[in-house]
Every structure is written in structure tokens, then in C-alpha cells.
N, C-alpha and C. Protein backbone atom coordinates (compact mmCIF):
# COMPACT_ATOMS: atom_id res chain seq x y z
N MET A 1 -6.02 48.54 84.84
CA MET A 1 -7.09 49.50 85.04
C MET A 1 -7.61 50.04 83.71
N ILE A 2 -6.69 50.46 82.84
CA ILE A 2 -7.10 51.03 81.56
C ILE A 2 -7.77 49.97 80.68
N HIS A 3 -7.28 48.71 80.77
CA HIS A 3 -7.87 47.64 79.97
C HIS A 3 -9.30 47.35 80.39
N GLN A 4 -9.59 47.49 81.67
CA GLN A 4 -10.95 47.27 82.16
C GLN A 4 -11.89 48.34 81.62
N LEU A 5 -11.41 49.58 81.56
CA LEU A 5 -12.23 50.67 81.03
C LEU A 5 -12.49 50.45 79.53
N ILE A 6 -11.46 50.04 78.82
CA ILE A 6 -11.62 49.78 77.39
C ILE A 6 -12.62 48.66 77.16
N ASP A 7 -12.53 47.60 77.96
CA ASP A 7 -13.47 46.48 77.84
C ASP A 7 -14.91 46.92 78.11
N LEU A 8 -15.11 47.81 79.06
CA LEU A 8 -16.46 48.31 79.36
C LEU A 8 -17.03 49.10 78.18
N VAL A 9 -16.20 49.91 77.55
CA VAL A 9 -16.65 50.71 76.42
C VAL A 9 -16.94 49.81 75.22
N GLU A 10 -16.07 48.83 74.98
CA GLU A 10 -16.23 47.95 73.82
C GLU A 10 -17.39 46.97 73.98
N GLU A 11 -17.79 46.70 75.19
CA GLU A 11 -18.80 45.67 75.47
C GLU A 11 -20.10 45.86 74.69
N LYS A 12 -20.55 47.10 74.54
CA LYS A 12 -21.82 47.32 73.84
C LYS A 12 -21.72 47.12 72.33
N TYR A 13 -20.48 47.08 71.79
CA TYR A 13 -20.30 46.88 70.35
C TYR A 13 -20.06 45.42 69.98
N LEU A 14 -19.87 44.56 70.97
CA LEU A 14 -19.64 43.15 70.70
C LEU A 14 -20.96 42.47 70.36
N LYS A 15 -20.90 41.47 69.47
CA LYS A 15 -22.10 40.71 69.14
C LYS A 15 -22.47 39.82 70.32
N ALA A 16 -23.75 39.64 70.52
CA ALA A 16 -24.22 38.83 71.65
C ALA A 16 -23.80 37.38 71.51
N ASP A 17 -23.94 36.84 70.30
CA ASP A 17 -23.52 35.45 70.06
C ASP A 17 -22.54 35.45 68.89
N PRO A 18 -21.23 35.54 69.18
CA PRO A 18 -20.26 35.56 68.09
C PRO A 18 -20.28 34.23 67.33
N PRO A 19 -20.02 34.27 66.04
CA PRO A 19 -20.09 33.05 65.23
C PRO A 19 -19.02 32.05 65.66
N GLY A 20 -19.40 30.77 65.63
CA GLY A 20 -18.48 29.71 66.03
C GLY A 20 -17.82 29.08 64.82
N PHE A 21 -16.60 29.48 64.52
CA PHE A 21 -15.84 28.88 63.44
C PHE A 21 -14.38 28.86 63.86
N ALA A 22 -13.59 28.05 63.17
CA ALA A 22 -12.19 27.90 63.54
C ALA A 22 -11.31 28.02 62.29
N ILE A 23 -10.02 28.00 62.51
CA ILE A 23 -9.06 28.05 61.42
C ILE A 23 -9.22 26.78 60.59
N GLY A 24 -9.23 26.91 59.28
CA GLY A 24 -9.35 25.76 58.39
C GLY A 24 -10.77 25.48 57.96
N ASP A 25 -11.74 26.16 58.56
CA ASP A 25 -13.14 25.95 58.17
C ASP A 25 -13.44 26.67 56.86
N THR A 26 -14.25 26.05 56.03
CA THR A 26 -14.74 26.71 54.82
C THR A 26 -16.04 27.40 55.19
N VAL A 27 -16.09 28.71 54.98
CA VAL A 27 -17.23 29.50 55.45
C VAL A 27 -17.82 30.32 54.32
N ASP A 28 -19.10 30.67 54.49
CA ASP A 28 -19.78 31.67 53.67
C ASP A 28 -19.99 32.88 54.55
N VAL A 29 -19.38 34.00 54.19
CA VAL A 29 -19.54 35.23 54.96
C VAL A 29 -20.56 36.09 54.24
N HIS A 30 -21.70 36.33 54.86
CA HIS A 30 -22.77 37.15 54.29
C HIS A 30 -22.54 38.59 54.73
N THR A 31 -22.14 39.45 53.79
CA THR A 31 -21.86 40.85 54.11
C THR A 31 -22.89 41.77 53.48
N LYS A 32 -23.20 42.83 54.19
CA LYS A 32 -24.15 43.82 53.73
C LYS A 32 -23.40 44.84 52.87
N ILE A 33 -23.81 45.00 51.62
CA ILE A 33 -23.18 45.94 50.69
C ILE A 33 -24.17 47.06 50.41
N ILE A 34 -23.70 48.30 50.53
CA ILE A 34 -24.55 49.46 50.26
C ILE A 34 -24.02 50.16 49.02
N GLU A 35 -24.87 50.21 47.99
CA GLU A 35 -24.52 50.88 46.73
C GLU A 35 -25.52 51.99 46.50
N GLY A 36 -25.12 53.20 46.78
CA GLY A 36 -26.05 54.33 46.65
C GLY A 36 -27.14 54.22 47.68
N SER A 37 -28.38 54.13 47.23
CA SER A 37 -29.50 54.00 48.16
C SER A 37 -29.94 52.54 48.31
N LYS A 38 -29.33 51.65 47.50
CA LYS A 38 -29.70 50.24 47.55
C LYS A 38 -28.81 49.48 48.51
N GLU A 39 -29.38 48.45 49.10
CA GLU A 39 -28.65 47.61 50.03
C GLU A 39 -28.87 46.15 49.64
N ARG A 40 -27.79 45.36 49.64
CA ARG A 40 -27.93 43.95 49.30
C ARG A 40 -26.95 43.14 50.13
N ILE A 41 -27.12 41.81 50.08
CA ILE A 41 -26.24 40.90 50.80
C ILE A 41 -25.37 40.19 49.78
N GLN A 42 -24.05 40.19 50.02
CA GLN A 42 -23.11 39.51 49.15
C GLN A 42 -22.45 38.39 49.95
N ILE A 43 -22.28 37.24 49.31
CA ILE A 43 -21.69 36.09 50.00
C ILE A 43 -20.26 35.91 49.51
N TYR A 44 -19.33 35.83 50.46
CA TYR A 44 -17.92 35.59 50.16
C TYR A 44 -17.57 34.23 50.72
N ASN A 45 -17.19 33.29 49.85
CA ASN A 45 -16.93 31.92 50.25
C ASN A 45 -15.44 31.66 50.22
N GLY A 46 -14.91 30.99 51.26
CA GLY A 46 -13.49 30.65 51.26
C GLY A 46 -13.09 29.94 52.54
N VAL A 47 -11.78 29.73 52.68
CA VAL A 47 -11.21 29.04 53.84
C VAL A 47 -10.64 30.07 54.80
N VAL A 48 -10.94 29.90 56.08
CA VAL A 48 -10.40 30.79 57.11
C VAL A 48 -8.95 30.40 57.33
N ILE A 49 -8.01 31.32 57.01
CA ILE A 49 -6.59 30.99 57.15
C ILE A 49 -5.96 31.67 58.36
N ALA A 50 -6.63 32.65 58.96
CA ALA A 50 -6.05 33.32 60.12
C ALA A 50 -7.15 33.98 60.95
N ARG A 51 -6.85 34.11 62.23
CA ARG A 51 -7.74 34.81 63.15
C ARG A 51 -6.84 35.53 64.14
N LYS A 52 -7.07 36.82 64.37
CA LYS A 52 -6.20 37.56 65.27
C LYS A 52 -6.98 38.65 65.99
N GLY A 53 -6.42 39.13 67.09
CA GLY A 53 -7.02 40.20 67.86
C GLY A 53 -7.99 39.69 68.89
N ARG A 54 -8.59 40.64 69.62
CA ARG A 54 -9.59 40.29 70.62
C ARG A 54 -10.55 41.46 70.76
N GLY A 55 -11.72 41.17 71.29
CA GLY A 55 -12.71 42.23 71.48
C GLY A 55 -13.23 42.75 70.15
N THR A 56 -13.42 44.05 70.08
CA THR A 56 -13.96 44.63 68.85
C THR A 56 -12.95 44.64 67.72
N SER A 57 -11.68 44.48 68.03
CA SER A 57 -10.66 44.48 66.98
C SER A 57 -10.31 43.08 66.49
N GLU A 58 -11.13 42.08 66.83
CA GLU A 58 -10.87 40.72 66.37
C GLU A 58 -11.18 40.60 64.88
N MET A 59 -10.23 40.05 64.12
CA MET A 59 -10.36 39.92 62.68
C MET A 59 -10.11 38.48 62.25
N PHE A 60 -10.65 38.12 61.09
CA PHE A 60 -10.34 36.83 60.50
C PHE A 60 -10.14 37.00 59.00
N THR A 61 -9.24 36.19 58.45
CA THR A 61 -8.89 36.27 57.04
C THR A 61 -9.46 35.08 56.30
N VAL A 62 -10.15 35.35 55.19
CA VAL A 62 -10.75 34.30 54.37
C VAL A 62 -10.07 34.33 53.01
N ARG A 63 -9.64 33.15 52.56
CA ARG A 63 -8.95 33.03 51.27
C ARG A 63 -9.78 32.19 50.32
N ARG A 64 -9.88 32.66 49.08
CA ARG A 64 -10.57 31.91 48.04
C ARG A 64 -9.82 32.06 46.74
N ILE A 65 -10.16 31.23 45.77
CA ILE A 65 -9.50 31.26 44.47
C ILE A 65 -10.50 31.75 43.44
N VAL A 66 -10.14 32.81 42.73
CA VAL A 66 -10.98 33.39 41.69
C VAL A 66 -10.15 33.47 40.42
N ALA A 67 -10.58 32.77 39.38
CA ALA A 67 -9.89 32.75 38.08
C ALA A 67 -8.42 32.37 38.25
N ASN A 68 -8.16 31.30 39.01
CA ASN A 68 -6.82 30.78 39.30
C ASN A 68 -5.91 31.80 39.97
N GLU A 69 -6.48 32.73 40.67
CA GLU A 69 -5.72 33.73 41.42
C GLU A 69 -6.24 33.74 42.85
N GLY A 70 -5.36 33.68 43.82
CA GLY A 70 -5.77 33.70 45.22
C GLY A 70 -6.20 35.09 45.65
N VAL A 71 -7.33 35.16 46.34
CA VAL A 71 -7.84 36.44 46.84
C VAL A 71 -8.12 36.28 48.33
N GLU A 72 -7.59 37.19 49.13
CA GLU A 72 -7.82 37.15 50.56
C GLU A 72 -8.57 38.40 50.99
N ARG A 73 -9.44 38.22 51.96
CA ARG A 73 -10.20 39.36 52.47
C ARG A 73 -10.24 39.26 53.98
N ILE A 74 -10.06 40.36 54.65
CA ILE A 74 -10.04 40.39 56.12
C ILE A 74 -11.36 41.00 56.60
N PHE A 75 -12.02 40.29 57.51
CA PHE A 75 -13.30 40.74 58.05
C PHE A 75 -13.19 40.94 59.56
N PRO A 76 -13.82 41.99 60.10
CA PRO A 76 -13.93 42.10 61.56
C PRO A 76 -15.05 41.16 62.05
N VAL A 77 -14.80 40.42 63.11
CA VAL A 77 -15.77 39.45 63.61
C VAL A 77 -17.04 40.14 64.09
N HIS A 78 -16.90 41.25 64.78
CA HIS A 78 -18.05 41.91 65.40
C HIS A 78 -18.61 43.06 64.56
N SER A 79 -18.34 43.08 63.27
CA SER A 79 -18.81 44.15 62.41
C SER A 79 -20.32 44.07 62.22
N PRO A 80 -21.02 45.21 62.25
CA PRO A 80 -22.45 45.19 61.97
C PRO A 80 -22.76 44.92 60.50
N ARG A 81 -21.77 45.02 59.63
CA ARG A 81 -21.96 44.73 58.20
C ARG A 81 -21.97 43.24 57.91
N ILE A 82 -21.48 42.43 58.83
CA ILE A 82 -21.52 40.98 58.64
C ILE A 82 -22.85 40.49 59.18
N VAL A 83 -23.68 39.98 58.26
CA VAL A 83 -25.01 39.51 58.63
C VAL A 83 -24.93 38.12 59.24
N ALA A 84 -24.17 37.23 58.60
CA ALA A 84 -24.06 35.86 59.09
C ALA A 84 -22.77 35.23 58.60
N ILE A 85 -22.30 34.25 59.37
CA ILE A 85 -21.17 33.43 58.95
C ILE A 85 -21.63 31.99 59.01
N GLU A 86 -21.66 31.36 57.85
CA GLU A 86 -22.19 30.00 57.74
C GLU A 86 -21.02 29.05 57.49
N VAL A 87 -20.82 28.08 58.37
CA VAL A 87 -19.73 27.12 58.23
C VAL A 87 -20.18 25.99 57.31
N LYS A 88 -19.45 25.80 56.21
CA LYS A 88 -19.78 24.76 55.24
C LYS A 88 -19.13 23.43 55.60
N ARG A 89 -17.84 23.47 55.96
CA ARG A 89 -17.14 22.26 56.37
C ARG A 89 -16.01 22.63 57.32
N HIS A 90 -15.64 21.68 58.16
CA HIS A 90 -14.58 21.88 59.13
C HIS A 90 -13.31 21.23 58.60
N GLY A 91 -12.24 22.01 58.49
CA GLY A 91 -10.97 21.49 57.99
C GLY A 91 -10.10 20.98 59.12
N LYS A 92 -9.35 19.93 58.84
CA LYS A 92 -8.46 19.35 59.82
C LYS A 92 -7.11 20.05 59.70
N VAL A 93 -6.72 20.82 60.70
CA VAL A 93 -5.48 21.59 60.67
C VAL A 93 -4.74 21.42 61.99
N ARG A 94 -3.43 21.73 61.94
CA ARG A 94 -2.60 21.64 63.14
C ARG A 94 -1.86 22.94 63.38
N ARG A 95 -2.28 24.01 62.75
CA ARG A 95 -1.61 25.29 62.89
C ARG A 95 -2.63 26.39 63.17
N ALA A 96 -2.15 27.49 63.72
CA ALA A 96 -3.02 28.63 64.00
C ALA A 96 -3.17 29.53 62.79
N LYS A 97 -2.16 29.56 61.95
CA LYS A 97 -2.20 30.36 60.73
C LYS A 97 -1.88 29.46 59.55
N LEU A 98 -2.67 29.55 58.49
CA LEU A 98 -2.52 28.68 57.33
C LEU A 98 -1.94 29.43 56.14
N TYR A 99 -0.92 30.24 56.39
CA TYR A 99 -0.32 31.02 55.31
C TYR A 99 0.37 30.14 54.27
N TYR A 100 0.69 28.89 54.63
CA TYR A 100 1.33 27.99 53.68
C TYR A 100 0.40 27.64 52.51
N LEU A 101 -0.91 27.86 52.66
CA LEU A 101 -1.84 27.58 51.57
C LEU A 101 -1.64 28.53 50.39
N ARG A 102 -0.98 29.67 50.64
CA ARG A 102 -0.73 30.63 49.56
C ARG A 102 0.18 30.05 48.48
N ASP A 103 1.08 29.15 48.89
CA ASP A 103 2.04 28.57 47.95
C ASP A 103 1.53 27.31 47.27
N ARG A 104 0.40 26.81 47.70
CA ARG A 104 -0.12 25.54 47.16
C ARG A 104 -0.98 25.79 45.93
N ILE A 105 -0.95 24.79 45.01
CA ILE A 105 -1.81 24.88 43.83
C ILE A 105 -2.53 23.55 43.64
N GLY A 106 -3.69 23.60 43.02
CA GLY A 106 -4.44 22.39 42.70
C GLY A 106 -4.99 21.69 43.92
N LYS A 107 -4.89 20.35 43.90
CA LYS A 107 -5.45 19.55 44.98
C LYS A 107 -4.68 19.72 46.29
N ALA A 108 -3.44 20.14 46.22
CA ALA A 108 -2.64 20.35 47.43
C ALA A 108 -3.19 21.50 48.27
N ARG A 109 -4.05 22.29 47.68
CA ARG A 109 -4.65 23.43 48.36
C ARG A 109 -5.77 22.99 49.31
N ARG A 110 -6.31 21.79 49.07
CA ARG A 110 -7.44 21.31 49.86
C ARG A 110 -7.01 20.85 51.24
N LEU A 111 -7.91 21.03 52.20
CA LEU A 111 -7.69 20.53 53.56
C LEU A 111 -8.57 19.31 53.77
N LYS A 112 -8.07 18.36 54.57
CA LYS A 112 -8.89 17.21 54.90
C LYS A 112 -10.02 17.66 55.81
N GLU A 113 -11.13 16.96 55.71
CA GLU A 113 -12.28 17.31 56.55
C GLU A 113 -12.14 16.68 57.92
N LYS A 114 -12.45 17.46 58.93
CA LYS A 114 -12.35 16.99 60.31
C LYS A 114 -13.52 16.08 60.62
N ARG A 115 -13.21 14.90 61.13
CA ARG A 115 -14.25 13.96 61.53
C ARG A 115 -14.52 14.19 63.01
N ARG A 116 -15.72 14.61 63.32
CA ARG A 116 -16.06 14.87 64.71
C ARG A 116 -16.80 13.66 65.27
N VAL A 117 -16.37 13.20 66.42
CA VAL A 117 -16.99 12.04 67.06
C VAL A 117 -18.35 12.45 67.59
N GLY A 118 -19.36 11.67 67.25
CA GLY A 118 -20.71 11.95 67.74
C GLY A 118 -21.42 13.06 66.98
N ALA A 119 -20.82 13.54 65.91
CA ALA A 119 -21.47 14.61 65.15
C ALA A 119 -22.60 14.02 64.30
N ARG A 120 -23.67 14.76 64.23
CA ARG A 120 -24.82 14.31 63.44
C ARG A 120 -24.83 15.02 62.10
N THR A 121 -25.29 14.32 61.12
CA THR A 121 -25.43 14.94 59.80
C THR A 121 -26.75 15.69 59.76
N ALA A 122 -26.92 16.53 58.76
CA ALA A 122 -28.16 17.29 58.63
C ALA A 122 -29.35 16.36 58.42
N ALA A 123 -29.13 15.28 57.68
CA ALA A 123 -30.22 14.32 57.43
C ALA A 123 -30.63 13.63 58.73
N ALA A 124 -29.65 13.29 59.56
CA ALA A 124 -29.97 12.64 60.84
C ALA A 124 -30.72 13.59 61.76
N GLU A 125 -30.36 14.87 61.74
CA GLU A 125 -31.06 15.85 62.58
C GLU A 125 -32.50 16.01 62.14
N LYS A 126 -32.75 15.96 60.82
CA LYS A 126 -34.12 16.08 60.33
C LYS A 126 -34.95 14.89 60.77
N VAL A 127 -34.34 13.72 60.79
CA VAL A 127 -35.06 12.53 61.23
C VAL A 127 -35.42 12.66 62.70
N ILE A 128 -34.48 13.17 63.50
CA ILE A 128 -34.74 13.32 64.93
C ILE A 128 -35.83 14.36 65.18
N GLU A 129 -35.82 15.44 64.38
CA GLU A 129 -36.78 16.51 64.58
C GLU A 129 -38.17 16.18 64.03
N ALA A 130 -38.30 15.10 63.27
CA ALA A 130 -39.60 14.75 62.69
C ALA A 130 -40.58 14.43 63.81
N PRO A 131 -41.83 14.89 63.68
CA PRO A 131 -42.81 14.64 64.74
C PRO A 131 -43.12 13.15 64.87
N GLN A 132 -43.26 12.71 66.10
CA GLN A 132 -43.56 11.31 66.37
C GLN A 132 -45.06 11.08 66.25
N VAL A 133 -45.44 9.98 65.62
CA VAL A 133 -46.86 9.64 65.45
C VAL A 133 -47.31 8.92 66.71
N GLU A 134 -48.40 9.42 67.29
CA GLU A 134 -48.91 8.80 68.51
C GLU A 134 -49.62 7.49 68.17
N LYS A 135 -49.36 6.50 68.98
CA LYS A 135 -50.01 5.20 68.78
C LYS A 135 -51.38 5.24 69.45
N THR A 136 -52.36 4.77 68.72
CA THR A 136 -53.71 4.75 69.28
C THR A 136 -53.90 3.47 70.08
N SER A 137 -54.77 3.53 71.06
CA SER A 137 -54.98 2.36 71.92
C SER A 137 -56.10 1.45 71.39
N THR A 138 -56.72 1.80 70.27
CA THR A 138 -57.78 0.94 69.73
C THR A 138 -57.15 -0.26 69.04
N PRO A 139 -57.65 -1.44 69.32
CA PRO A 139 -57.06 -2.64 68.71
C PRO A 139 -57.41 -2.71 67.22
N ALA A 140 -56.55 -3.36 66.49
CA ALA A 140 -56.77 -3.52 65.05
C ALA A 140 -57.91 -4.51 64.84
N PRO A 141 -58.73 -4.33 63.80
CA PRO A 141 -59.83 -5.26 63.55
C PRO A 141 -59.30 -6.64 63.15
N GLU A 142 -60.01 -7.67 63.63
CA GLU A 142 -59.58 -9.03 63.34
C GLU A 142 -60.05 -9.40 61.93
N PRO A 143 -59.26 -10.22 61.22
CA PRO A 143 -59.64 -10.60 59.86
C PRO A 143 -60.91 -11.46 59.87
N VAL A 144 -61.73 -11.25 58.87
CA VAL A 144 -62.98 -11.97 58.75
C VAL A 144 -62.84 -13.05 57.68
N GLU A 145 -63.27 -14.27 58.00
CA GLU A 145 -63.18 -15.36 57.04
C GLU A 145 -64.37 -15.30 56.11
N VAL A 146 -64.13 -15.44 54.82
CA VAL A 146 -65.20 -15.43 53.83
C VAL A 146 -65.46 -16.88 53.41
N ALA A 147 -66.75 -17.29 53.51
CA ALA A 147 -67.12 -18.67 53.16
C ALA A 147 -67.33 -18.79 51.66
N GLY A 148 -67.01 -19.94 51.14
CA GLY A 148 -67.31 -20.24 49.74
C GLY A 148 -66.17 -19.78 48.82
N GLY A 149 -65.02 -19.90 49.24
CA GLY A 149 -64.00 -19.37 48.41
C GLY A 149 -63.05 -20.33 47.95
């Protein structure tokens, strides 16, 4: 009973279309930063190593390397300060939490890219979206023979 009431209250704070990303994905998180009276968008790029919670308290952890030092940041999924989450690549993982990446250095830190069956590349999508040229029903002119040649 109490959980239903909480869900009703939280419902208006949830995003209408939550971002679709998974553990192991490399993402760009566009966050709104307010400095005094100025407002700007800052992009935080990294690998999603954890996701926890549900509803308005759902969080995800993004890890990146800055000056050979690992930096992790936790973001709320439904925060109004998050403008967009852009997935750069999908990592192939077999775990729900990727805390083991904290101990890795160099190339061992990289995740293999997930190959999705039937997935289209951006170039292929552009080709599909290109407008089709209508064929005209007028016949092509026949070649004319030139005498004296």
C-alpha cells in the first residue's frame, strides 16, 4: 500500500522517456552547470560501471580516466540537470557491476564492443533516409546518326 502511494508521488518527477543505456556502454552525459547567473552544458564522458535503484532514486556510475587517475561520478537517471545521455559505443559485458575495471590499467581497461545482429551503422541509416528520386515516364531520346563522318 505504501509503495503504491510513493510510486504515485514519484511519477510526476520521472522522465517521460528515460535514456536507453546499459552497463559497459561508453556514454556522454550532458549536464547543466550553473555558475552564478550563467548556465552552461558540460559533457562527462566515460564507461557506465554500475546502475542501481529504481524510480526517482535510480542512479548510474560513470568512470573515466583523467591524467592517469580514475575518476567516478554518480548521476541520478531522472535528474532535471541531465540534459541528455548519448551512447557512444556498447560494451560487451557479463556482469551487472564492473568494479573490477578499477584495478585494470592500460589496454586491459578496455571493453570489447558488442556486435548487435541486424544493427545499422550511421552511414547505412543516412543512405536509407536519403530521398528517393522519382523516375519519369518520358522515354529517353533515341540517338541520331550523323551522316558524313
